[in-house]
Amino acid sequence: MPNITVELLTGRTAAQRAEFARVVTDAVVDVLGAPRHLVRIQFTEIEPDRLALGGELVSGT
């Protein structure tokens, strides 16, 4: 059973997450030969003030 964890900044819509899950699941089925019903994707949302890039918070605060 493939388990995929995706970390995203908050703000993506449910429709965007659903489309991402569909496309990634298709790829896992095609490339790895995994049964579709066993592909698990978990989304973890990160608040912009909890992530820094280049020494600066993504939120800009």
C-alpha atoms as a PDB file:
ATOM      1  CA  MET A   1       0.000   0.000   0.000  1.00  0.00           C
ATOM      2  CA  PRO A   2       1.690   3.245  -1.072  1.00  0.00           C
ATOM      3  CA  ASN A   3       1.430   5.987   1.550  1.00  0.00           C
ATOM      4  CA  ILE A   4       2.126   9.498   0.317  1.00  0.00           C
ATOM      5  CA  THR A   5       2.361  12.533   2.578  1.00  0.00           C
ATOM      6  CA  VAL A   6       2.086  15.968   1.005  1.00  0.00           C
ATOM      7  CA  GLU A   7       2.945  19.155   2.890  1.00  0.00           C
ATOM      8  CA  LEU A   8       1.286  22.316   1.561  1.00  0.00           C
ATOM      9  CA  LEU A   9       0.918  25.863   2.716  1.00  0.00           C
ATOM     10  CA  THR A  10      -2.653  26.485   3.820  1.00  0.00           C
ATOM     11  CA  GLY A  11      -4.962  28.021   1.283  1.00  0.00           C
ATOM     12  CA  ARG A  12      -5.433  25.295  -1.316  1.00  0.00           C
ATOM     13  CA  THR A  13      -9.061  24.494  -2.027  1.00  0.00           C
ATOM     14  CA  ALA A  14     -10.647  21.089  -1.557  1.00  0.00           C
ATOM     15  CA  ALA A  15     -11.012  20.916  -5.350  1.00  0.00           C
ATOM     16  CA  GLN A  16      -7.266  21.498  -5.798  1.00  0.00           C
ATOM     17  CA  ARG A  17      -6.412  18.799  -3.261  1.00  0.00           C
ATOM     18  CA  ALA A  18      -8.865  16.399  -4.913  1.00  0.00           C
ATOM     19  CA  GLU A  19      -7.368  17.005  -8.372  1.00  0.00           C
ATOM     20  CA  PHE A  20      -3.848  16.564  -6.998  1.00  0.00           C
ATOM     21  CA  ALA A  21      -4.878  13.305  -5.312  1.00  0.00           C
ATOM     22  CA  ARG A  22      -6.426  12.029  -8.543  1.00  0.00           C
ATOM     23  CA  VAL A  23      -3.361  12.839 -10.659  1.00  0.00           C
ATOM     24  CA  VAL A  24      -0.873  11.445  -8.149  1.00  0.00           C
ATOM     25  CA  THR A  25      -2.961   8.302  -7.655  1.00  0.00           C
ATOM     26  CA  ASP A  26      -3.064   7.792 -11.427  1.00  0.00           C
ATOM     27  CA  ALA A  27       0.733   8.069 -11.533  1.00  0.00           C
ATOM     28  CA  VAL A  28       1.210   5.598  -8.667  1.00  0.00           C
ATOM     29  CA  VAL A  29      -1.093   3.099 -10.354  1.00  0.00           C
ATOM     30  CA  ASP A  30       0.673   3.526 -13.721  1.00  0.00           C
ATOM     31  CA  VAL A  31       4.272   3.590 -12.500  1.00  0.00           C
ATOM     32  CA  LEU A  32       4.196   1.307  -9.460  1.00  0.00           C
ATOM     33  CA  GLY A  33       1.324  -0.938 -10.455  1.00  0.00           C
ATOM     34  CA  ALA A  34      -0.374  -0.379  -7.106  1.00  0.00           C
ATOM     35  CA  PRO A  35      -4.090  -1.098  -6.827  1.00  0.00           C
ATOM     36  CA  ARG A  36      -5.949   2.233  -6.918  1.00  0.00           C
ATOM     37  CA  HIS A  37      -7.932   1.494  -3.768  1.00  0.00           C
ATOM     38  CA  LEU A  38      -4.717   1.040  -1.759  1.00  0.00           C
ATOM     39  CA  VAL A  39      -3.091   4.371  -2.657  1.00  0.00           C
ATOM     40  CA  ARG A  40      -3.264   6.603   0.419  1.00  0.00           C
ATOM     41  CA  ILE A  41      -2.495  10.324   0.294  1.00  0.00           C
ATOM     42  CA  GLN A  42      -2.396  12.468   3.420  1.00  0.00           C
ATOM     43  CA  PHE A  43      -2.290  16.248   3.225  1.00  0.00           C
ATOM     44  CA  THR A  44      -0.576  18.203   5.974  1.00  0.00           C
ATOM     45  CA  GLU A  45      -1.229  21.925   5.867  1.00  0.00           C
ATOM     46  CA  ILE A  46       1.413  24.314   7.139  1.00  0.00           C
ATOM     47  CA  GLU A  47       0.654  27.830   8.291  1.00  0.00           C
ATOM     48  CA  PRO A  48       2.905  30.404   6.561  1.00  0.00           C
ATOM     49  CA  ASP A  49       4.209  31.628   9.928  1.00  0.00           C
ATOM     50  CA  ARG A  50       5.416  28.076  10.670  1.00  0.00           C
ATOM     51  CA  LEU A  51       7.709  27.831   7.630  1.00  0.00           C
ATOM     52  CA  ALA A  52      10.856  29.749   6.750  1.00  0.00           C
ATOM     53  CA  LEU A  53      12.635  29.937   3.412  1.00  0.00           C
ATOM     54  CA  GLY A  54      16.090  31.489   3.191  1.00  0.00           C
ATOM     55  CA  GLY A  55      15.922  32.519   6.836  1.00  0.00           C
ATOM     56  CA  GLU A  56      12.635  34.427   6.461  1.00  0.00           C
ATOM     57  CA  LEU A  57       9.158  33.354   7.463  1.00  0.00           C
ATOM     58  CA  VAL A  58       6.973  32.666   4.456  1.00  0.00           C
ATOM     59  CA  SER A  59       4.275  34.825   6.056  1.00  0.00           C
ATOM     60  CA  GLY A  60       6.573  37.834   5.929  1.00  0.00           C
ATOM     61  CA  THR A  61       6.027  38.618   9.616  1.00  0.00           C
END
